[in-house]
């Protein structure tokens, strides 16, 4: 049978010098190891960083300019309470004509808009209808968006089928 012995209480004042010395030595050893590791990592990074410096700069420099622009545009939308979404404008303009178009039809699209993404916005809103910009090749239907004038244009080979009153008109191809 094993009997537990009672040990006298430990006097900590005897060991404080040794403990401090041990902690100090451990800290110095850790610091030396850390300095060696850091110098090794710095050497490795200095070998590889020049080869990727250009790529990093190509990412960082545009981000420095783009992030504040987006931040201020979002901030101005929050402050004013107004958002400018051209796709929503196209969706409200083309909602009525979308109901009259057959699904998966191919239609011609003509617009007097100067917006660079006019065709893309119209294609997005009118999905699943496929849109061909211009009058050639001629398809059965033609969509015309009039942003400037109130007059109804005439297109050779097409007659007006429906005028939706908001500058959007649907023309039908004249049968030969």
N, C-alpha and C. Protein backbone atom coordinates (compact mmCIF):
# COMPACT_ATOMS: atom_id res chain seq x y z
N UNK A 1 0.83 -1.16 0.00
CA UNK A 1 0.00 0.00 0.00
C UNK A 1 0.89 1.24 0.00
N UNK A 2 0.49 2.21 -0.76
CA UNK A 2 1.29 3.41 -0.91
C UNK A 2 0.75 4.51 0.01
N UNK A 3 1.61 5.09 0.77
CA UNK A 3 1.20 6.12 1.71
C UNK A 3 1.70 7.47 1.19
N UNK A 4 0.79 8.42 1.18
CA UNK A 4 1.17 9.77 0.76
C UNK A 4 1.90 10.47 1.88
N UNK A 5 3.01 11.06 1.52
CA UNK A 5 3.77 11.79 2.52
C UNK A 5 3.37 13.25 2.46
N UNK A 6 3.36 13.86 3.58
CA UNK A 6 3.11 15.28 3.65
C UNK A 6 4.43 15.99 3.53
N UNK A 7 4.45 16.94 2.58
CA UNK A 7 5.66 17.72 2.40
C UNK A 7 5.51 19.04 3.13
N UNK A 8 6.60 19.57 3.61
CA UNK A 8 6.50 20.87 4.28
C UNK A 8 6.13 21.95 3.27
N UNK A 9 5.53 23.03 3.72
CA UNK A 9 5.17 24.10 2.80
C UNK A 9 6.41 24.65 2.10
N UNK A 10 6.18 25.06 0.81
CA UNK A 10 7.30 25.56 0.00
C UNK A 10 7.50 27.03 0.32
N UNK A 11 8.74 27.37 0.50
CA UNK A 11 9.11 28.76 0.72
C UNK A 11 9.43 29.36 -0.64
N UNK A 12 8.56 30.22 -1.17
CA UNK A 12 8.72 30.77 -2.51
C UNK A 12 9.88 31.74 -2.62
N UNK A 13 10.29 32.30 -1.55
CA UNK A 13 11.38 33.27 -1.62
C UNK A 13 12.69 32.60 -2.01
N UNK A 14 12.81 31.32 -1.74
CA UNK A 14 14.01 30.59 -2.11
C UNK A 14 14.11 30.42 -3.62
N UNK A 15 12.95 30.22 -4.30
CA UNK A 15 12.95 29.91 -5.72
C UNK A 15 12.76 31.12 -6.63
N UNK A 16 12.43 32.25 -6.09
CA UNK A 16 12.13 33.40 -6.95
C UNK A 16 13.30 33.78 -7.83
N UNK A 17 14.47 33.71 -7.34
CA UNK A 17 15.64 34.05 -8.15
C UNK A 17 15.80 33.08 -9.30
N UNK A 18 15.66 31.79 -9.03
CA UNK A 18 15.79 30.78 -10.08
C UNK A 18 14.66 30.89 -11.10
N UNK A 19 13.43 31.18 -10.65
CA UNK A 19 12.29 31.29 -11.55
C UNK A 19 12.48 32.49 -12.47
N UNK A 20 12.89 33.61 -11.89
CA UNK A 20 13.14 34.80 -12.71
C UNK A 20 14.25 34.52 -13.72
N UNK A 21 15.28 33.84 -13.30
CA UNK A 21 16.37 33.50 -14.21
C UNK A 21 15.88 32.59 -15.31
N UNK A 22 15.06 31.60 -14.97
CA UNK A 22 14.51 30.66 -15.95
C UNK A 22 13.59 31.39 -16.92
N UNK A 23 12.72 32.26 -16.43
CA UNK A 23 11.81 33.02 -17.30
C UNK A 23 12.61 33.94 -18.20
N UNK A 24 13.62 34.59 -17.63
CA UNK A 24 14.45 35.50 -18.42
C UNK A 24 15.18 34.74 -19.51
N UNK A 25 15.74 33.57 -19.16
CA UNK A 25 16.44 32.77 -20.15
C UNK A 25 15.47 32.28 -21.23
N UNK A 26 14.27 31.84 -20.84
CA UNK A 26 13.28 31.36 -21.80
C UNK A 26 12.87 32.48 -22.74
N UNK A 27 12.68 33.67 -22.20
CA UNK A 27 12.29 34.81 -23.02
C UNK A 27 13.39 35.17 -24.02
N UNK A 28 14.65 35.17 -23.56
CA UNK A 28 15.78 35.47 -24.45
C UNK A 28 15.88 34.42 -25.55
N UNK A 29 15.68 33.18 -25.18
CA UNK A 29 15.75 32.10 -26.16
C UNK A 29 14.61 32.22 -27.18
N UNK A 30 13.41 32.52 -26.67
CA UNK A 30 12.27 32.72 -27.57
C UNK A 30 12.53 33.90 -28.50
N UNK A 31 13.07 34.98 -27.97
CA UNK A 31 13.34 36.17 -28.78
C UNK A 31 14.36 35.87 -29.86
N UNK A 32 15.40 35.13 -29.52
CA UNK A 32 16.41 34.75 -30.51
C UNK A 32 15.81 33.89 -31.61
N UNK A 33 14.98 32.93 -31.22
CA UNK A 33 14.32 32.07 -32.21
C UNK A 33 13.40 32.91 -33.10
N UNK A 34 12.68 33.84 -32.48
CA UNK A 34 11.78 34.70 -33.25
C UNK A 34 12.56 35.57 -34.23
N UNK A 35 13.68 36.11 -33.81
CA UNK A 35 14.51 36.95 -34.69
C UNK A 35 15.05 36.11 -35.85
N UNK A 36 15.47 34.87 -35.58
CA UNK A 36 15.94 33.99 -36.65
C UNK A 36 14.82 33.68 -37.64
N UNK A 37 13.64 33.39 -37.12
CA UNK A 37 12.49 33.10 -37.98
C UNK A 37 12.11 34.32 -38.81
N UNK A 38 12.13 35.47 -38.19
CA UNK A 38 11.79 36.71 -38.91
C UNK A 38 12.80 37.00 -40.01
N UNK A 39 14.08 36.83 -39.72
CA UNK A 39 15.10 37.09 -40.74
C UNK A 39 14.97 36.08 -41.89
N UNK A 40 14.64 34.83 -41.58
CA UNK A 40 14.43 33.83 -42.63
C UNK A 40 13.22 34.22 -43.50
N UNK A 41 12.12 34.62 -42.86
CA UNK A 41 10.93 35.03 -43.62
C UNK A 41 11.21 36.26 -44.47
N UNK A 42 11.95 37.23 -43.92
CA UNK A 42 12.30 38.43 -44.69
C UNK A 42 13.16 38.07 -45.91
N UNK A 43 14.08 37.14 -45.73
CA UNK A 43 14.92 36.71 -46.85
C UNK A 43 14.09 36.03 -47.92
N UNK A 44 13.16 35.18 -47.51
CA UNK A 44 12.31 34.50 -48.48
C UNK A 44 11.41 35.47 -49.22
N UNK A 45 10.82 36.42 -48.47
CA UNK A 45 9.94 37.39 -49.10
C UNK A 45 10.69 38.31 -50.05
N UNK A 46 11.91 38.68 -49.68
CA UNK A 46 12.68 39.55 -50.57
C UNK A 46 13.06 38.82 -51.85
N UNK A 47 13.15 37.49 -51.80
CA UNK A 47 13.43 36.73 -53.02
C UNK A 47 12.22 36.68 -53.93
N UNK A 48 11.02 36.55 -53.37
CA UNK A 48 9.82 36.36 -54.17
C UNK A 48 9.07 37.66 -54.47
N UNK A 49 9.17 38.63 -53.60
CA UNK A 49 8.36 39.83 -53.77
C UNK A 49 8.67 40.60 -55.06
N UNK A 50 9.92 40.74 -55.48
CA UNK A 50 10.14 41.48 -56.75
C UNK A 50 9.44 40.86 -57.94
N UNK A 51 9.24 39.57 -57.93
CA UNK A 51 8.59 38.93 -59.07
C UNK A 51 7.08 39.18 -59.09
N UNK A 52 6.49 39.46 -57.95
CA UNK A 52 5.05 39.71 -57.92
C UNK A 52 4.71 41.17 -57.62
N UNK A 53 5.71 42.01 -57.53
CA UNK A 53 5.49 43.42 -57.20
C UNK A 53 4.56 44.08 -58.21
N UNK A 54 4.76 43.81 -59.49
CA UNK A 54 3.92 44.40 -60.52
C UNK A 54 2.46 43.97 -60.39
N UNK A 55 2.24 42.69 -60.14
CA UNK A 55 0.88 42.19 -59.99
C UNK A 55 0.20 42.80 -58.77
N UNK A 56 0.94 42.92 -57.69
CA UNK A 56 0.38 43.52 -56.49
C UNK A 56 0.02 44.98 -56.74
N UNK A 57 0.89 45.70 -57.42
CA UNK A 57 0.61 47.11 -57.73
C UNK A 57 -0.59 47.25 -58.67
N UNK A 58 -0.74 46.31 -59.61
CA UNK A 58 -1.91 46.36 -60.50
C UNK A 58 -3.22 46.14 -59.76
N UNK A 59 -3.16 45.48 -58.64
CA UNK A 59 -4.36 45.28 -57.83
C UNK A 59 -4.57 46.44 -56.87
N UNK A 60 -3.51 46.88 -56.24
CA UNK A 60 -3.62 47.88 -55.18
C UNK A 60 -3.94 49.27 -55.71
N UNK A 61 -3.26 49.71 -56.77
CA UNK A 61 -3.45 51.08 -57.27
C UNK A 61 -4.89 51.32 -57.73
N UNK A 62 -5.49 50.48 -58.57
CA UNK A 62 -6.90 50.74 -58.91
C UNK A 62 -7.83 50.68 -57.70
N UNK A 63 -7.54 49.80 -56.76
CA UNK A 63 -8.40 49.71 -55.58
C UNK A 63 -8.36 51.00 -54.77
N UNK A 64 -7.20 51.64 -54.73
CA UNK A 64 -7.08 52.91 -54.00
C UNK A 64 -8.00 53.96 -54.61
N UNK A 65 -8.18 53.94 -55.92
CA UNK A 65 -9.03 54.93 -56.58
C UNK A 65 -10.50 54.51 -56.64
N UNK A 66 -10.75 53.22 -56.82
CA UNK A 66 -12.12 52.75 -57.03
C UNK A 66 -12.92 52.71 -55.72
N UNK A 67 -12.31 52.26 -54.66
CA UNK A 67 -13.03 52.12 -53.39
C UNK A 67 -13.61 53.45 -52.91
N UNK A 68 -12.85 54.56 -52.91
CA UNK A 68 -13.48 55.82 -52.49
C UNK A 68 -14.61 56.28 -53.41
N UNK A 69 -14.49 56.02 -54.70
CA UNK A 69 -15.55 56.41 -55.64
C UNK A 69 -16.83 55.66 -55.31
N UNK A 70 -16.75 54.35 -55.12
CA UNK A 70 -17.93 53.58 -54.77
C UNK A 70 -18.48 54.00 -53.40
N UNK A 71 -17.58 54.26 -52.48
CA UNK A 71 -18.01 54.68 -51.15
C UNK A 71 -18.82 55.97 -51.23
N UNK A 72 -18.33 56.96 -51.97
CA UNK A 72 -19.03 58.23 -52.05
C UNK A 72 -20.31 58.13 -52.88
N UNK A 73 -20.34 57.27 -53.89
CA UNK A 73 -21.57 57.11 -54.65
C UNK A 73 -22.65 56.44 -53.80
N UNK A 74 -22.28 55.44 -53.02
CA UNK A 74 -23.24 54.79 -52.13
C UNK A 74 -23.67 55.75 -51.02
N UNK A 75 -22.72 56.52 -50.50
CA UNK A 75 -23.05 57.48 -49.47
C UNK A 75 -24.01 58.55 -49.99
N UNK A 76 -23.78 59.02 -51.21
CA UNK A 76 -24.68 60.04 -51.77
C UNK A 76 -26.08 59.46 -52.01
N UNK A 77 -26.18 58.19 -52.41
CA UNK A 77 -27.49 57.56 -52.57
C UNK A 77 -28.21 57.44 -51.23
N UNK A 78 -27.47 57.15 -50.18
CA UNK A 78 -28.08 57.03 -48.86
C UNK A 78 -28.54 58.40 -48.36
N UNK A 79 -27.70 59.41 -48.54
CA UNK A 79 -28.03 60.74 -48.04
C UNK A 79 -29.21 61.34 -48.80
N UNK A 80 -29.19 61.26 -50.14
CA UNK A 80 -30.26 61.86 -50.92
C UNK A 80 -31.51 61.00 -50.98
N UNK A 81 -31.36 59.73 -50.77
CA UNK A 81 -32.50 58.83 -50.85
C UNK A 81 -32.88 58.49 -52.27
N UNK A 82 -32.08 58.92 -53.24
CA UNK A 82 -32.37 58.65 -54.64
C UNK A 82 -31.34 57.66 -55.18
N UNK A 83 -31.83 56.73 -55.95
CA UNK A 83 -30.93 55.80 -56.62
C UNK A 83 -31.18 55.90 -58.12
N UNK A 84 -30.11 55.85 -58.86
CA UNK A 84 -30.24 55.91 -60.32
C UNK A 84 -29.95 54.52 -60.87
N UNK A 85 -31.00 53.86 -61.26
CA UNK A 85 -30.89 52.52 -61.82
C UNK A 85 -31.55 52.53 -63.19
N UNK A 86 -30.78 52.65 -64.27
CA UNK A 86 -31.36 52.70 -65.60
C UNK A 86 -32.17 51.45 -65.95
N UNK A 87 -31.80 50.31 -65.42
CA UNK A 87 -32.52 49.09 -65.74
C UNK A 87 -33.97 49.19 -65.24
N UNK A 88 -34.17 49.83 -64.10
CA UNK A 88 -35.53 50.00 -63.58
C UNK A 88 -36.35 50.90 -64.49
N UNK A 89 -35.71 51.93 -65.03
CA UNK A 89 -36.41 52.80 -65.98
C UNK A 89 -36.81 52.02 -67.23
N UNK A 90 -35.92 51.20 -67.73
CA UNK A 90 -36.23 50.38 -68.90
C UNK A 90 -37.34 49.38 -68.56
N UNK A 91 -37.31 48.84 -67.37
CA UNK A 91 -38.31 47.87 -66.99
C UNK A 91 -39.71 48.49 -66.96
N UNK A 92 -39.82 49.71 -66.46
CA UNK A 92 -41.13 50.37 -66.44
C UNK A 92 -41.56 50.77 -67.85
N UNK A 93 -40.61 51.20 -68.68
CA UNK A 93 -40.95 51.60 -70.05
C UNK A 93 -41.37 50.41 -70.90
N UNK A 94 -40.70 49.29 -70.74
CA UNK A 94 -40.92 48.14 -71.62
C UNK A 94 -41.86 47.08 -71.02
N UNK A 95 -42.45 47.35 -69.87
CA UNK A 95 -43.33 46.36 -69.23
C UNK A 95 -44.53 46.00 -70.11
N UNK A 96 -45.14 47.02 -70.72
CA UNK A 96 -46.34 46.76 -71.54
C UNK A 96 -46.01 45.98 -72.80
N UNK A 97 -44.90 46.32 -73.43
CA UNK A 97 -44.55 45.64 -74.69
C UNK A 97 -44.11 44.20 -74.44
N UNK A 98 -43.57 43.95 -73.26
CA UNK A 98 -43.11 42.59 -72.94
C UNK A 98 -44.28 41.62 -72.94
N UNK A 99 -45.45 42.10 -72.53
CA UNK A 99 -46.64 41.24 -72.50
C UNK A 99 -47.11 40.87 -73.92
N UNK A 100 -46.85 41.77 -74.88
CA UNK A 100 -47.32 41.55 -76.24
C UNK A 100 -46.34 40.76 -77.11
N UNK A 101 -45.15 40.52 -76.62
CA UNK A 101 -44.16 39.80 -77.42
C UNK A 101 -44.24 38.31 -77.14
N UNK A 102 -44.17 37.50 -78.20
CA UNK A 102 -44.16 36.05 -77.98
C UNK A 102 -42.84 35.62 -77.34
N UNK A 103 -42.91 34.61 -76.49
CA UNK A 103 -41.71 34.11 -75.82
C UNK A 103 -40.73 33.55 -76.85
N UNK A 104 -39.47 33.77 -76.62
CA UNK A 104 -38.38 33.29 -77.47
C UNK A 104 -38.43 33.84 -78.89
N UNK A 105 -39.12 34.95 -79.09
CA UNK A 105 -39.16 35.56 -80.42
C UNK A 105 -37.86 36.31 -80.67
N UNK A 106 -37.53 36.48 -81.93
CA UNK A 106 -36.39 37.30 -82.32
C UNK A 106 -36.96 38.57 -82.93
N UNK A 107 -36.59 39.72 -82.35
CA UNK A 107 -37.13 40.99 -82.81
C UNK A 107 -36.00 41.96 -83.10
N UNK A 108 -36.29 42.91 -84.00
CA UNK A 108 -35.35 44.00 -84.26
C UNK A 108 -35.55 45.07 -83.21
N UNK A 109 -34.48 45.81 -82.92
CA UNK A 109 -34.55 46.86 -81.90
C UNK A 109 -33.84 48.09 -82.43
N UNK A 110 -34.57 49.21 -82.40
CA UNK A 110 -34.01 50.49 -82.82
C UNK A 110 -34.32 51.50 -81.72
N UNK A 111 -33.35 52.32 -81.39
CA UNK A 111 -33.52 53.31 -80.34
C UNK A 111 -32.72 54.55 -80.71
N UNK A 112 -33.21 55.71 -80.28
CA UNK A 112 -32.45 56.93 -80.51
C UNK A 112 -31.73 57.36 -79.23
N UNK A 113 -31.53 56.46 -78.32
CA UNK A 113 -30.83 56.73 -77.07
C UNK A 113 -29.33 56.80 -77.33
N UNK A 114 -28.67 57.67 -76.59
CA UNK A 114 -27.21 57.77 -76.71
C UNK A 114 -26.51 57.02 -75.58
N UNK A 115 -27.27 56.37 -74.72
CA UNK A 115 -26.68 55.62 -73.61
C UNK A 115 -25.89 54.44 -74.15
N UNK A 116 -24.69 54.20 -73.64
CA UNK A 116 -23.87 53.11 -74.16
C UNK A 116 -24.44 51.72 -73.87
N UNK A 117 -25.20 51.59 -72.80
CA UNK A 117 -25.74 50.28 -72.45
C UNK A 117 -27.23 50.16 -72.76
N UNK A 118 -27.71 50.93 -73.72
CA UNK A 118 -29.13 50.92 -74.09
C UNK A 118 -29.57 49.53 -74.55
N UNK A 119 -28.83 48.94 -75.45
CA UNK A 119 -29.18 47.61 -75.97
C UNK A 119 -29.11 46.55 -74.88
N UNK A 120 -28.10 46.62 -74.04
CA UNK A 120 -27.94 45.62 -72.97
C UNK A 120 -29.10 45.70 -71.98
N UNK A 121 -29.50 46.93 -71.62
CA UNK A 121 -30.62 47.08 -70.69
C UNK A 121 -31.92 46.56 -71.30
N UNK A 122 -32.15 46.84 -72.58
CA UNK A 122 -33.35 46.36 -73.25
C UNK A 122 -33.35 44.83 -73.34
N UNK A 123 -32.21 44.25 -73.67
CA UNK A 123 -32.11 42.79 -73.73
C UNK A 123 -32.39 42.17 -72.37
N UNK A 124 -31.86 42.77 -71.32
CA UNK A 124 -32.05 42.24 -69.98
C UNK A 124 -33.52 42.27 -69.57
N UNK A 125 -34.19 43.38 -69.86
CA UNK A 125 -35.58 43.53 -69.46
C UNK A 125 -36.50 42.62 -70.26
N UNK A 126 -36.19 42.39 -71.52
CA UNK A 126 -37.10 41.65 -72.39
C UNK A 126 -36.79 40.15 -72.50
N UNK A 127 -35.95 39.63 -71.65
CA UNK A 127 -35.66 38.20 -71.66
C UNK A 127 -36.96 37.44 -71.49
N UNK A 128 -37.28 36.42 -72.23
CA UNK A 128 -36.53 35.53 -73.09
C UNK A 128 -36.53 35.95 -74.56
N UNK A 129 -37.05 37.13 -74.88
CA UNK A 129 -37.04 37.60 -76.27
C UNK A 129 -35.59 37.91 -76.66
N UNK A 130 -35.21 37.49 -77.86
CA UNK A 130 -33.87 37.78 -78.37
C UNK A 130 -33.93 39.02 -79.25
N UNK A 131 -32.99 39.92 -79.04
CA UNK A 131 -33.00 41.22 -79.72
C UNK A 131 -31.84 41.31 -80.70
N UNK A 132 -32.16 41.83 -81.89
CA UNK A 132 -31.16 42.12 -82.90
C UNK A 132 -31.14 43.63 -83.10
N UNK A 133 -29.99 44.24 -82.95
CA UNK A 133 -29.91 45.70 -83.08
C UNK A 133 -29.96 46.09 -84.55
N UNK A 134 -30.79 47.07 -84.84
CA UNK A 134 -30.90 47.58 -86.20
C UNK A 134 -32.02 46.92 -86.98
N UNK A 135 -32.06 47.26 -88.27
CA UNK A 135 -33.15 46.78 -89.13
C UNK A 135 -32.79 45.54 -89.94
N UNK A 136 -31.54 45.20 -90.02
CA UNK A 136 -31.11 44.05 -90.81
C UNK A 136 -30.51 43.01 -89.90
N UNK A 137 -30.80 41.77 -90.08
CA UNK A 137 -31.80 41.15 -90.93
C UNK A 137 -33.20 41.41 -90.38
N UNK A 138 -34.15 41.50 -91.28
CA UNK A 138 -35.53 41.83 -90.89
C UNK A 138 -36.21 40.64 -90.22
N UNK A 139 -36.85 40.93 -89.08
CA UNK A 139 -37.65 39.93 -88.38
C UNK A 139 -39.09 40.40 -88.35
N UNK A 140 -39.98 39.57 -87.83
CA UNK A 140 -41.42 39.88 -87.87
C UNK A 140 -41.79 41.11 -87.05
N UNK A 141 -41.10 41.35 -85.96
CA UNK A 141 -41.44 42.48 -85.09
C UNK A 141 -40.24 43.41 -84.92
N UNK A 142 -40.57 44.69 -84.69
CA UNK A 142 -39.55 45.72 -84.47
C UNK A 142 -39.97 46.55 -83.27
N UNK A 143 -39.06 46.70 -82.32
CA UNK A 143 -39.30 47.55 -81.16
C UNK A 143 -38.53 48.84 -81.38
N UNK A 144 -39.22 49.96 -81.18
CA UNK A 144 -38.57 51.27 -81.29
C UNK A 144 -38.76 52.02 -79.99
N UNK A 145 -37.65 52.49 -79.43
CA UNK A 145 -37.71 53.35 -78.24
C UNK A 145 -37.36 54.76 -78.65
N UNK A 146 -38.27 55.67 -78.42
CA UNK A 146 -38.09 57.06 -78.79
C UNK A 146 -37.89 57.88 -77.52
N UNK A 147 -36.69 58.39 -77.32
CA UNK A 147 -36.40 59.15 -76.11
C UNK A 147 -36.49 60.66 -76.32
N UNK A 148 -36.44 61.12 -77.58
CA UNK A 148 -36.32 62.55 -77.82
C UNK A 148 -37.59 63.21 -78.36
N UNK A 149 -38.09 62.72 -79.47
CA UNK A 149 -39.18 63.40 -80.16
C UNK A 149 -40.50 62.68 -80.00
N UNK A 150 -41.58 63.38 -80.29
CA UNK A 150 -42.91 62.80 -80.13
C UNK A 150 -43.43 62.20 -81.43
N UNK A 151 -42.73 62.41 -82.52
CA UNK A 151 -43.23 61.91 -83.81
C UNK A 151 -43.00 60.41 -83.96
N UNK A 152 -43.84 59.80 -84.77
CA UNK A 152 -43.74 58.37 -85.02
C UNK A 152 -42.93 58.16 -86.30
N UNK A 153 -41.85 57.46 -86.21
CA UNK A 153 -41.02 57.25 -87.40
C UNK A 153 -41.63 56.20 -88.33
N UNK A 154 -41.12 56.18 -89.54
CA UNK A 154 -41.53 55.16 -90.50
C UNK A 154 -40.31 54.32 -90.85
N UNK A 155 -40.50 53.02 -90.82
CA UNK A 155 -39.43 52.10 -91.18
C UNK A 155 -39.87 51.32 -92.40
N UNK A 156 -39.00 51.23 -93.38
CA UNK A 156 -39.33 50.54 -94.63
C UNK A 156 -39.55 49.06 -94.36
N UNK A 157 -40.70 48.57 -94.77
CA UNK A 157 -41.05 47.16 -94.58
C UNK A 157 -41.79 46.89 -93.29
N UNK A 158 -42.06 47.91 -92.48
CA UNK A 158 -42.76 47.74 -91.20
C UNK A 158 -43.92 48.73 -91.10
N UNK A 159 -44.99 48.30 -90.43
CA UNK A 159 -46.11 49.21 -90.12
C UNK A 159 -46.30 49.23 -88.60
N UNK A 160 -46.82 50.33 -88.10
CA UNK A 160 -47.02 50.47 -86.66
C UNK A 160 -48.13 49.54 -86.21
N UNK A 161 -47.82 48.70 -85.24
CA UNK A 161 -48.81 47.79 -84.67
C UNK A 161 -49.41 48.39 -83.40
N UNK A 162 -48.55 48.84 -82.48
CA UNK A 162 -49.02 49.40 -81.21
C UNK A 162 -48.10 50.52 -80.77
N UNK A 163 -48.71 51.64 -80.36
CA UNK A 163 -47.96 52.74 -79.75
C UNK A 163 -48.32 52.74 -78.27
N UNK A 164 -47.36 52.50 -77.42
CA UNK A 164 -47.61 52.38 -75.99
C UNK A 164 -47.65 53.73 -75.27
N UNK A 165 -47.37 54.82 -75.98
CA UNK A 165 -47.53 56.15 -75.43
C UNK A 165 -46.38 56.67 -74.59
N UNK A 166 -45.43 55.86 -74.26
CA UNK A 166 -44.30 56.33 -73.46
C UNK A 166 -42.99 56.33 -74.26
N UNK A 167 -43.15 56.44 -75.56
CA UNK A 167 -41.99 56.43 -76.44
C UNK A 167 -41.62 55.05 -76.94
N UNK A 168 -42.35 54.05 -76.53
CA UNK A 168 -42.10 52.67 -76.96
C UNK A 168 -43.16 52.29 -77.97
N UNK A 169 -42.71 51.79 -79.12
CA UNK A 169 -43.63 51.41 -80.20
C UNK A 169 -43.26 50.04 -80.72
N UNK A 170 -44.29 49.31 -81.13
CA UNK A 170 -44.09 47.98 -81.70
C UNK A 170 -44.55 48.03 -83.15
N UNK A 171 -43.65 47.67 -84.04
CA UNK A 171 -43.96 47.63 -85.46
C UNK A 171 -44.02 46.17 -85.90
N UNK A 172 -44.88 45.93 -86.93
CA UNK A 172 -45.03 44.59 -87.49
C UNK A 172 -44.52 44.64 -88.91
N UNK A 173 -43.89 43.57 -89.32
CA UNK A 173 -43.34 43.47 -90.67
C UNK A 173 -44.48 43.34 -91.66
N UNK A 174 -44.37 44.09 -92.75
CA UNK A 174 -45.37 44.03 -93.82
C UNK A 174 -45.12 42.79 -94.64
N UNK A 175 -46.17 41.99 -94.83
CA UNK A 175 -46.01 40.77 -95.63
C UNK A 175 -45.98 41.15 -97.10
N UNK A 176 -45.11 40.49 -97.84
CA UNK A 176 -44.94 40.80 -99.27
C UNK A 176 -46.08 40.33 -100.11
